[in-house]
């Protein structure tokens, strides 16, 4: 039990967040109390590894020595045999979002994973959200809700998606019309930047292309997948909310190597 003498609101509020395949709930009650639960979010990846009783999916530093070189030959096929849609492979463990009276768990390499929460604090998986087939690219861990619209973007390391759309894609989904205002790749740079978040105003979305880039060496040496590249500058992409394609994006180069995570 947590006492909160500084919270004088009469309205109950709820905030949620996730860790690795787990879900935490904080419910601030009118009587200035809070309660907490910690539960597994049974994503498809979690259920597969529970069924097999092993870490089936590749992890950092796994491809080492001769055995690692052998594994790299068959691991991609193994993963797609179990989860054909690579936008659902990673655990939904980074953030949560309420949109359209639905609760989503997010990982920027995935499409949103919907869960249902019950009054006693337990949760139930509902499945991955594509907005009736409109989403064909991952959605970041930090999309923005603006009224009845969801502003979103993400990056990907999936070469098939990069070849089609580029290393980043942005979009706006309208809950009222069940349609996309726009959805396109704002850049065709030959690398994947750690574009973890975004900002917005009434008239613009703002994304960034920073100097922290995806580096596949993480699969071999166990270090981070994303590493700083001092030869690249931080750039901001300013996207009008009535944009139609990449030509409407204004890229502003700061002239300095830098990165942003949570503005």
C-alpha atoms as a PDB file:
ATOM      1  CA  UNK A   1       0.000   0.000   0.000  1.00  0.00           C
ATOM      2  CA  UNK A   2       1.277   3.481  -0.879  1.00  0.00           C
ATOM      3  CA  UNK A   3      -0.004   6.626   0.838  1.00  0.00           C
ATOM      4  CA  UNK A   4       0.032   9.781  -1.290  1.00  0.00           C
ATOM      5  CA  UNK A   5      -0.831  12.857   0.752  1.00  0.00           C
ATOM      6  CA  UNK A   6      -0.015  15.235  -2.092  1.00  0.00           C
ATOM      7  CA  UNK A   7      -2.640  13.854  -4.450  1.00  0.00           C
ATOM      8  CA  UNK A   8      -5.926  15.609  -3.694  1.00  0.00           C
ATOM      9  CA  UNK A   9      -7.771  14.633  -6.864  1.00  0.00           C
ATOM     10  CA  UNK A  10     -11.183  13.015  -6.584  1.00  0.00           C
ATOM     11  CA  UNK A  11     -10.800  11.194  -9.899  1.00  0.00           C
ATOM     12  CA  UNK A  12      -9.268   7.736 -10.153  1.00  0.00           C
ATOM     13  CA  UNK A  13      -6.411   7.577 -12.638  1.00  0.00           C
ATOM     14  CA  UNK A  14      -4.437   4.661 -14.021  1.00  0.00           C
ATOM     15  CA  UNK A  15      -0.936   4.497 -15.439  1.00  0.00           C
ATOM     16  CA  UNK A  16       0.743   1.364 -16.753  1.00  0.00           C
ATOM     17  CA  UNK A  17       4.184   0.392 -17.962  1.00  0.00           C
ATOM     18  CA  UNK A  18       6.000  -2.772 -18.991  1.00  0.00           C
ATOM     19  CA  UNK A  19       9.292  -4.511 -18.393  1.00  0.00           C
ATOM     20  CA  UNK A  20      10.466  -7.658 -20.173  1.00  0.00           C
ATOM     21  CA  UNK A  21       7.231  -9.543 -20.864  1.00  0.00           C
ATOM     22  CA  UNK A  22       5.792  -8.237 -17.594  1.00  0.00           C
ATOM     23  CA  UNK A  23       3.085  -5.751 -16.786  1.00  0.00           C
ATOM     24  CA  UNK A  24       2.869  -3.349 -13.848  1.00  0.00           C
ATOM     25  CA  UNK A  25      -0.222  -1.434 -12.824  1.00  0.00           C
ATOM     26  CA  UNK A  26      -0.542   1.619 -10.598  1.00  0.00           C
ATOM     27  CA  UNK A  27      -4.057   2.724  -9.742  1.00  0.00           C
ATOM     28  CA  UNK A  28      -4.366   5.991  -7.789  1.00  0.00           C
ATOM     29  CA  UNK A  29      -7.609   5.738  -5.849  1.00  0.00           C
ATOM     30  CA  UNK A  30      -9.684   8.716  -4.604  1.00  0.00           C
ATOM     31  CA  UNK A  31      -8.690   7.775  -1.032  1.00  0.00           C
ATOM     32  CA  UNK A  32      -5.041   8.520  -1.853  1.00  0.00           C
ATOM     33  CA  UNK A  33      -3.984   4.882  -2.066  1.00  0.00           C
ATOM     34  CA  UNK A  34      -2.224   2.932  -4.799  1.00  0.00           C
ATOM     35  CA  UNK A  35      -1.897  -0.761  -5.524  1.00  0.00           C
ATOM     36  CA  UNK A  36       0.499  -2.674  -7.729  1.00  0.00           C
ATOM     37  CA  UNK A  37       0.549  -5.956  -9.640  1.00  0.00           C
ATOM     38  CA  UNK A  38       3.285  -7.646 -11.648  1.00  0.00           C
ATOM     39  CA  UNK A  39       2.203 -10.068 -14.374  1.00  0.00           C
ATOM     40  CA  UNK A  40       3.513 -11.812 -17.450  1.00  0.00           C
ATOM     41  CA  UNK A  41       2.283 -10.450 -20.778  1.00  0.00           C
ATOM     42  CA  UNK A  42       1.865 -13.669 -22.805  1.00  0.00           C
ATOM     43  CA  UNK A  43       3.023 -12.437 -26.200  1.00  0.00           C
ATOM     44  CA  UNK A  44       3.456 -14.955 -29.016  1.00  0.00           C
ATOM     45  CA  UNK A  45       7.214 -15.052 -28.424  1.00  0.00           C
ATOM     46  CA  UNK A  46       6.739 -15.723 -24.715  1.00  0.00           C
ATOM     47  CA  UNK A  47       4.256 -18.514 -25.333  1.00  0.00           C
ATOM     48  CA  UNK A  48       6.537 -20.208 -27.881  1.00  0.00           C
ATOM     49  CA  UNK A  49       9.539 -20.154 -25.545  1.00  0.00           C
ATOM     50  CA  UNK A  50       7.383 -21.418 -22.665  1.00  0.00           C
ATOM     51  CA  UNK A  51       6.150 -24.266 -24.837  1.00  0.00           C
ATOM     52  CA  UNK A  52       9.679 -25.205 -25.920  1.00  0.00           C
ATOM     53  CA  UNK A  53      11.192 -24.484 -22.485  1.00  0.00           C
ATOM     54  CA  UNK A  54      14.148 -22.709 -24.076  1.00  0.00           C
ATOM     55  CA  UNK A  55      15.274 -19.336 -25.470  1.00  0.00           C
ATOM     56  CA  UNK A  56      14.304 -20.020 -29.053  1.00  0.00           C
ATOM     57  CA  UNK A  57      14.862 -16.543 -30.496  1.00  0.00           C
ATOM     58  CA  UNK A  58      18.324 -15.010 -31.118  1.00  0.00           C
ATOM     59  CA  UNK A  59      19.838 -12.804 -28.399  1.00  0.00           C
ATOM     60  CA  UNK A  60      22.761 -10.400 -28.071  1.00  0.00           C
ATOM     61  CA  UNK A  61      26.166 -12.018 -28.481  1.00  0.00           C
ATOM     62  CA  UNK A  62      24.740 -15.346 -29.607  1.00  0.00           C
ATOM     63  CA  UNK A  63      26.609 -15.736 -32.889  1.00  0.00           C
ATOM     64  CA  UNK A  64      30.105 -16.464 -31.600  1.00  0.00           C
ATOM     65  CA  UNK A  65      32.686 -19.120 -32.421  1.00  0.00           C
ATOM     66  CA  UNK A  66      31.995 -21.884 -34.941  1.00  0.00           C
ATOM     67  CA  UNK A  67      28.648 -22.842 -33.375  1.00  0.00           C
ATOM     68  CA  UNK A  68      27.491 -19.258 -33.723  1.00  0.00           C
ATOM     69  CA  UNK A  69      28.380 -19.201 -37.400  1.00  0.00           C
ATOM     70  CA  UNK A  70      26.361 -22.355 -37.894  1.00  0.00           C
ATOM     71  CA  UNK A  71      23.359 -20.944 -36.047  1.00  0.00           C
ATOM     72  CA  UNK A  72      23.289 -17.777 -38.138  1.00  0.00           C
ATOM     73  CA  UNK A  73      22.546 -19.948 -41.177  1.00  0.00           C
ATOM     74  CA  UNK A  74      19.318 -21.426 -39.841  1.00  0.00           C
ATOM     75  CA  UNK A  75      18.087 -19.004 -37.170  1.00  0.00           C
ATOM     76  CA  UNK A  76      16.182 -16.684 -39.578  1.00  0.00           C
ATOM     77  CA  UNK A  77      14.273 -19.664 -40.992  1.00  0.00           C
ATOM     78  CA  UNK A  78      13.566 -20.978 -37.469  1.00  0.00           C
ATOM     79  CA  UNK A  79      12.090 -17.637 -36.430  1.00  0.00           C
ATOM     80  CA  UNK A  80       9.885 -17.273 -39.503  1.00  0.00           C
ATOM     81  CA  UNK A  81       8.637 -20.838 -39.141  1.00  0.00           C
ATOM     82  CA  UNK A  82       7.264 -19.908 -35.711  1.00  0.00           C
ATOM     83  CA  UNK A  83       6.344 -16.261 -36.332  1.00  0.00           C
ATOM     84  CA  UNK A  84       5.956 -15.550 -40.061  1.00  0.00           C
ATOM     85  CA  UNK A  85       5.271 -11.850 -39.381  1.00  0.00           C
ATOM     86  CA  UNK A  86       8.597 -10.424 -38.197  1.00  0.00           C
ATOM     87  CA  UNK A  87       6.725  -7.359 -36.862  1.00  0.00           C
ATOM     88  CA  UNK A  88       5.528  -9.540 -33.971  1.00  0.00           C
ATOM     89  CA  UNK A  89       8.808 -11.174 -32.911  1.00  0.00           C
ATOM     90  CA  UNK A  90      10.092  -8.983 -30.073  1.00  0.00           C
ATOM     91  CA  UNK A  91       8.451  -8.861 -26.624  1.00  0.00           C
ATOM     92  CA  UNK A  92       6.071  -5.887 -26.153  1.00  0.00           C
ATOM     93  CA  UNK A  93       8.142  -4.585 -23.261  1.00  0.00           C
ATOM     94  CA  UNK A  94       8.935  -0.895 -23.742  1.00  0.00           C
ATOM     95  CA  UNK A  95       5.826   1.232 -23.219  1.00  0.00           C
ATOM     96  CA  UNK A  96       2.039   1.183 -23.054  1.00  0.00           C
ATOM     97  CA  UNK A  97      -0.562   3.340 -24.782  1.00  0.00           C
ATOM     98  CA  UNK A  98      -4.272   4.020 -24.355  1.00  0.00           C
ATOM     99  CA  UNK A  99      -5.972   4.827 -27.656  1.00  0.00           C
ATOM    100  CA  UNK A 100      -9.564   4.367 -28.702  1.00  0.00           C
ATOM    101  CA  UNK A 101     -10.425   2.761 -25.337  1.00  0.00           C
ATOM    102  CA  UNK A 102      -7.832   0.071 -25.982  1.00  0.00           C
ATOM    103  CA  UNK A 103      -4.625  -0.639 -24.093  1.00  0.00           C
ATOM    104  CA  UNK A 104      -1.550  -1.451 -26.161  1.00  0.00           C
ATOM    105  CA  UNK A 105       1.897  -2.750 -25.166  1.00  0.00           C
ATOM    106  CA  UNK A 106       4.610  -1.443 -27.459  1.00  0.00           C
ATOM    107  CA  UNK A 107       8.036  -2.337 -28.802  1.00  0.00           C
ATOM    108  CA  UNK A 108       9.353  -0.229 -31.669  1.00  0.00           C
ATOM    109  CA  UNK A 109      10.264  -3.280 -33.751  1.00  0.00           C
ATOM    110  CA  UNK A 110       6.640  -4.518 -33.550  1.00  0.00           C
ATOM    111  CA  UNK A 111       3.135  -3.482 -34.370  1.00  0.00           C
ATOM    112  CA  UNK A 112       1.064  -2.673 -31.221  1.00  0.00           C
ATOM    113  CA  UNK A 113       0.041  -5.596 -28.989  1.00  0.00           C
ATOM    114  CA  UNK A 114      -3.423  -5.141 -27.457  1.00  0.00           C
ATOM    115  CA  UNK A 115      -4.252  -6.410 -23.975  1.00  0.00           C
ATOM    116  CA  UNK A 116      -7.437  -6.244 -21.922  1.00  0.00           C
ATOM    117  CA  UNK A 117      -7.270  -5.240 -18.258  1.00  0.00           C
ATOM    118  CA  UNK A 118      -9.919  -6.331 -15.768  1.00  0.00           C
ATOM    119  CA  UNK A 119     -11.068  -4.571 -12.569  1.00  0.00           C
ATOM    120  CA  UNK A 120      -9.042  -6.952 -10.397  1.00  0.00           C
ATOM    121  CA  UNK A 121      -5.841  -5.930 -12.224  1.00  0.00           C
ATOM    122  CA  UNK A 122      -5.374  -9.101 -14.281  1.00  0.00           C
ATOM    123  CA  UNK A 123      -4.682  -8.851 -18.006  1.00  0.00           C
ATOM    124  CA  UNK A 124      -5.513 -10.923 -21.072  1.00  0.00           C
ATOM    125  CA  UNK A 125      -3.793 -10.775 -24.487  1.00  0.00           C
ATOM    126  CA  UNK A 126      -6.004  -9.746 -27.406  1.00  0.00           C
ATOM    127  CA  UNK A 127      -3.487  -9.850 -30.246  1.00  0.00           C
ATOM    128  CA  UNK A 128      -1.604  -7.529 -32.563  1.00  0.00           C
ATOM    129  CA  UNK A 129      -3.249  -4.401 -33.965  1.00  0.00           C
ATOM    130  CA  UNK A 130      -3.010  -3.512 -37.652  1.00  0.00           C
ATOM    131  CA  UNK A 131      -6.043  -1.173 -37.799  1.00  0.00           C
ATOM    132  CA  UNK A 132      -7.810  -3.507 -40.223  1.00  0.00           C
ATOM    133  CA  UNK A 133      -4.682  -4.209 -42.231  1.00  0.00           C
ATOM    134  CA  UNK A 134      -3.468  -0.634 -42.606  1.00  0.00           C
ATOM    135  CA  UNK A 135      -0.236  -1.046 -40.618  1.00  0.00           C
ATOM    136  CA  UNK A 136       2.532  -2.720 -42.628  1.00  0.00           C
ATOM    137  CA  UNK A 137       5.556  -1.384 -40.714  1.00  0.00           C
ATOM    138  CA  UNK A 138       6.530  -1.373 -37.020  1.00  0.00           C
ATOM    139  CA  UNK A 139       5.188   1.342 -34.687  1.00  0.00           C
ATOM    140  CA  UNK A 140       7.562   2.942 -32.199  1.00  0.00           C
ATOM    141  CA  UNK A 141       7.330   2.640 -28.430  1.00  0.00           C
ATOM    142  CA  UNK A 142       6.332   6.311 -28.208  1.00  0.00           C
ATOM    143  CA  UNK A 143       3.522   7.281 -30.592  1.00  0.00           C
ATOM    144  CA  UNK A 144       1.447  10.340 -29.699  1.00  0.00           C
ATOM    145  CA  UNK A 145      -2.299  10.618 -29.215  1.00  0.00           C
ATOM    146  CA  UNK A 146      -3.837  13.893 -30.369  1.00  0.00           C
ATOM    147  CA  UNK A 147      -7.582  13.695 -29.847  1.00  0.00           C
ATOM    148  CA  UNK A 148      -8.960  11.030 -32.175  1.00  0.00           C
ATOM    149  CA  UNK A 149      -5.679  10.732 -34.070  1.00  0.00           C
ATOM    150  CA  UNK A 150      -2.616   8.567 -33.458  1.00  0.00           C
ATOM    151  CA  UNK A 151       0.669  10.045 -34.690  1.00  0.00           C
ATOM    152  CA  UNK A 152       3.311   7.368 -35.059  1.00  0.00           C
ATOM    153  CA  UNK A 153       6.609   6.424 -36.660  1.00  0.00           C
ATOM    154  CA  UNK A 154       9.341   3.837 -36.285  1.00  0.00           C
ATOM    155  CA  UNK A 155      12.506   2.465 -37.774  1.00  0.00           C
ATOM    156  CA  UNK A 156      13.247  -1.106 -38.845  1.00  0.00           C
ATOM    157  CA  UNK A 157      16.194  -3.387 -39.547  1.00  0.00           C
ATOM    158  CA  UNK A 158      14.067  -5.630 -41.786  1.00  0.00           C
ATOM    159  CA  UNK A 159      15.724  -5.347 -45.194  1.00  0.00           C
ATOM    160  CA  UNK A 160      12.503  -6.166 -47.042  1.00  0.00           C
ATOM    161  CA  UNK A 161      10.739  -3.212 -45.412  1.00  0.00           C
ATOM    162  CA  UNK A 162      13.777  -0.951 -45.866  1.00  0.00           C
ATOM    163  CA  UNK A 163      13.889  -1.743 -49.584  1.00  0.00           C
ATOM    164  CA  UNK A 164      10.191  -0.923 -49.883  1.00  0.00           C
ATOM    165  CA  UNK A 165       9.773   2.107 -47.589  1.00  0.00           C
ATOM    166  CA  UNK A 166      13.195   3.127 -46.269  1.00  0.00           C
ATOM    167  CA  UNK A 167      14.680   2.782 -42.753  1.00  0.00           C
ATOM    168  CA  UNK A 168      11.873   4.845 -41.170  1.00  0.00           C
ATOM    169  CA  UNK A 169       8.155   5.288 -41.735  1.00  0.00           C
ATOM    170  CA  UNK A 170       5.694   7.869 -40.364  1.00  0.00           C
ATOM    171  CA  UNK A 171       1.920   7.964 -40.290  1.00  0.00           C
ATOM    172  CA  UNK A 172      -1.251   9.422 -38.805  1.00  0.00           C
ATOM    173  CA  UNK A 173      -4.259   7.185 -38.100  1.00  0.00           C
ATOM    174  CA  UNK A 174      -7.709   8.757 -37.706  1.00  0.00           C
ATOM    175  CA  UNK A 175      -9.904   6.785 -35.291  1.00  0.00           C
ATOM    176  CA  UNK A 176     -13.089   8.492 -36.491  1.00  0.00           C
ATOM    177  CA  UNK A 177     -12.648   7.691 -40.180  1.00  0.00           C
ATOM    178  CA  UNK A 178     -10.682   4.446 -39.597  1.00  0.00           C
ATOM    179  CA  UNK A 179      -8.181   5.637 -42.177  1.00  0.00           C
ATOM    180  CA  UNK A 180      -4.638   6.970 -42.529  1.00  0.00           C
ATOM    181  CA  UNK A 181      -4.094  10.680 -43.162  1.00  0.00           C
ATOM    182  CA  UNK A 182      -0.688   9.731 -44.560  1.00  0.00           C
ATOM    183  CA  UNK A 183       1.820   6.878 -44.288  1.00  0.00           C
ATOM    184  CA  UNK A 184       5.230   6.998 -45.982  1.00  0.00           C
ATOM    185  CA  UNK A 185       8.983   6.765 -45.506  1.00  0.00           C
ATOM    186  CA  UNK A 186      10.445  10.247 -44.857  1.00  0.00           C
ATOM    187  CA  UNK A 187      14.051   9.343 -45.710  1.00  0.00           C
ATOM    188  CA  UNK A 188      16.115   6.917 -47.782  1.00  0.00           C
ATOM    189  CA  UNK A 189      19.438   7.200 -45.925  1.00  0.00           C
ATOM    190  CA  UNK A 190      21.567   4.019 -46.136  1.00  0.00           C
ATOM    191  CA  UNK A 191      21.558   3.303 -42.392  1.00  0.00           C
ATOM    192  CA  UNK A 192      19.111   2.747 -39.531  1.00  0.00           C
ATOM    193  CA  UNK A 193      19.039   5.545 -36.944  1.00  0.00           C
ATOM    194  CA  UNK A 194      17.790   5.111 -33.374  1.00  0.00           C
ATOM    195  CA  UNK A 195      14.665   7.208 -33.938  1.00  0.00           C
ATOM    196  CA  UNK A 196      13.141   6.244 -30.606  1.00  0.00           C
ATOM    197  CA  UNK A 197      10.591   9.035 -30.188  1.00  0.00           C
ATOM    198  CA  UNK A 198       8.898  11.944 -31.894  1.00  0.00           C
ATOM    199  CA  UNK A 199       7.268  15.291 -31.160  1.00  0.00           C
ATOM    200  CA  UNK A 200       4.295  17.097 -32.642  1.00  0.00           C
ATOM    201  CA  UNK A 201       2.477  20.422 -32.799  1.00  0.00           C
ATOM    202  CA  UNK A 202      -0.916  21.371 -34.183  1.00  0.00           C
ATOM    203  CA  UNK A 203       0.484  21.487 -37.707  1.00  0.00           C
ATOM    204  CA  UNK A 204       3.630  19.343 -37.696  1.00  0.00           C
ATOM    205  CA  UNK A 205       5.205  16.044 -36.712  1.00  0.00           C
ATOM    206  CA  UNK A 206       8.901  16.144 -35.830  1.00  0.00           C
ATOM    207  CA  UNK A 207      11.132  13.081 -36.082  1.00  0.00           C
ATOM    208  CA  UNK A 208      14.907  12.804 -36.015  1.00  0.00           C
ATOM    209  CA  UNK A 209      17.795  11.078 -37.662  1.00  0.00           C
ATOM    210  CA  UNK A 210      20.527  10.901 -35.005  1.00  0.00           C
ATOM    211  CA  UNK A 211      24.117   9.659 -34.951  1.00  0.00           C
ATOM    212  CA  UNK A 212      23.298   6.439 -33.067  1.00  0.00           C
ATOM    213  CA  UNK A 213      22.917   3.749 -35.719  1.00  0.00           C
ATOM    214  CA  UNK A 214      22.032   0.067 -35.832  1.00  0.00           C
ATOM    215  CA  UNK A 215      25.135  -2.132 -35.782  1.00  0.00           C
ATOM    216  CA  UNK A 216      24.682  -5.887 -36.379  1.00  0.00           C
ATOM    217  CA  UNK A 217      27.909  -6.617 -34.486  1.00  0.00           C
ATOM    218  CA  UNK A 218      25.725  -6.808 -31.371  1.00  0.00           C
ATOM    219  CA  UNK A 219      24.706 -10.313 -32.392  1.00  0.00           C
ATOM    220  CA  UNK A 220      28.355 -11.339 -32.357  1.00  0.00           C
ATOM    221  CA  UNK A 221      30.017  -9.411 -29.521  1.00  0.00           C
ATOM    222  CA  UNK A 222      27.115  -9.060 -27.059  1.00  0.00           C
ATOM    223  CA  UNK A 223      27.285  -5.247 -26.981  1.00  0.00           C
ATOM    224  CA  UNK A 224      24.511  -2.865 -27.984  1.00  0.00           C
ATOM    225  CA  UNK A 225      22.798  -3.087 -31.343  1.00  0.00           C
ATOM    226  CA  UNK A 226      22.912   0.729 -31.516  1.00  0.00           C
ATOM    227  CA  UNK A 227      26.230   2.574 -31.401  1.00  0.00           C
ATOM    228  CA  UNK A 228      27.311   6.210 -31.866  1.00  0.00           C
ATOM    229  CA  UNK A 229      28.748   7.263 -35.213  1.00  0.00           C
ATOM    230  CA  UNK A 230      30.645  10.548 -34.699  1.00  0.00           C
ATOM    231  CA  UNK A 231      30.773  11.266 -38.425  1.00  0.00           C
ATOM    232  CA  UNK A 232      26.976  11.726 -38.611  1.00  0.00           C
ATOM    233  CA  UNK A 233      25.023  14.789 -37.464  1.00  0.00           C
ATOM    234  CA  UNK A 234      21.681  15.012 -35.695  1.00  0.00           C
ATOM    235  CA  UNK A 235      18.933  16.011 -38.130  1.00  0.00           C
ATOM    236  CA  UNK A 236      15.295  16.898 -37.490  1.00  0.00           C
ATOM    237  CA  UNK A 237      12.589  15.966 -39.962  1.00  0.00           C
ATOM    238  CA  UNK A 238       9.673  18.445 -39.917  1.00  0.00           C
ATOM    239  CA  UNK A 239       6.587  16.875 -41.476  1.00  0.00           C
ATOM    240  CA  UNK A 240       3.425  18.916 -42.163  1.00  0.00           C
ATOM    241  CA  UNK A 241       0.386  17.065 -40.879  1.00  0.00           C
ATOM    242  CA  UNK A 242      -1.203  17.511 -44.300  1.00  0.00           C
ATOM    243  CA  UNK A 243       1.820  15.933 -45.989  1.00  0.00           C
ATOM    244  CA  UNK A 244       1.316  13.528 -48.867  1.00  0.00           C
ATOM    245  CA  UNK A 245       4.811  12.098 -49.483  1.00  0.00           C
ATOM    246  CA  UNK A 246       8.541  12.391 -48.799  1.00  0.00           C
ATOM    247  CA  UNK A 247       8.882  15.619 -50.793  1.00  0.00           C
ATOM    248  CA  UNK A 248       6.907  17.473 -48.105  1.00  0.00           C
ATOM    249  CA  UNK A 249       9.463  16.663 -45.378  1.00  0.00           C
ATOM    250  CA  UNK A 250      11.912  19.406 -44.358  1.00  0.00           C
ATOM    251  CA  UNK A 251      15.185  18.037 -42.944  1.00  0.00           C
ATOM    252  CA  UNK A 252      17.182  20.383 -40.707  1.00  0.00           C
ATOM    253  CA  UNK A 253      20.829  19.466 -40.056  1.00  0.00           C
ATOM    254  CA  UNK A 254      22.088  20.679 -36.664  1.00  0.00           C
ATOM    255  CA  UNK A 255      25.711  20.477 -37.757  1.00  0.00           C
ATOM    256  CA  UNK A 256      26.626  18.415 -34.683  1.00  0.00           C
ATOM    257  CA  UNK A 257      26.831  14.669 -33.972  1.00  0.00           C
ATOM    258  CA  UNK A 258      24.189  14.041 -31.331  1.00  0.00           C
ATOM    259  CA  UNK A 259      21.257  11.839 -30.344  1.00  0.00           C
ATOM    260  CA  UNK A 260      17.884  12.231 -28.642  1.00  0.00           C
ATOM    261  CA  UNK A 261      15.952   9.581 -26.732  1.00  0.00           C
ATOM    262  CA  UNK A 262      13.029  11.091 -24.778  1.00  0.00           C
ATOM    263  CA  UNK A 263      12.475  14.815 -25.471  1.00  0.00           C
END
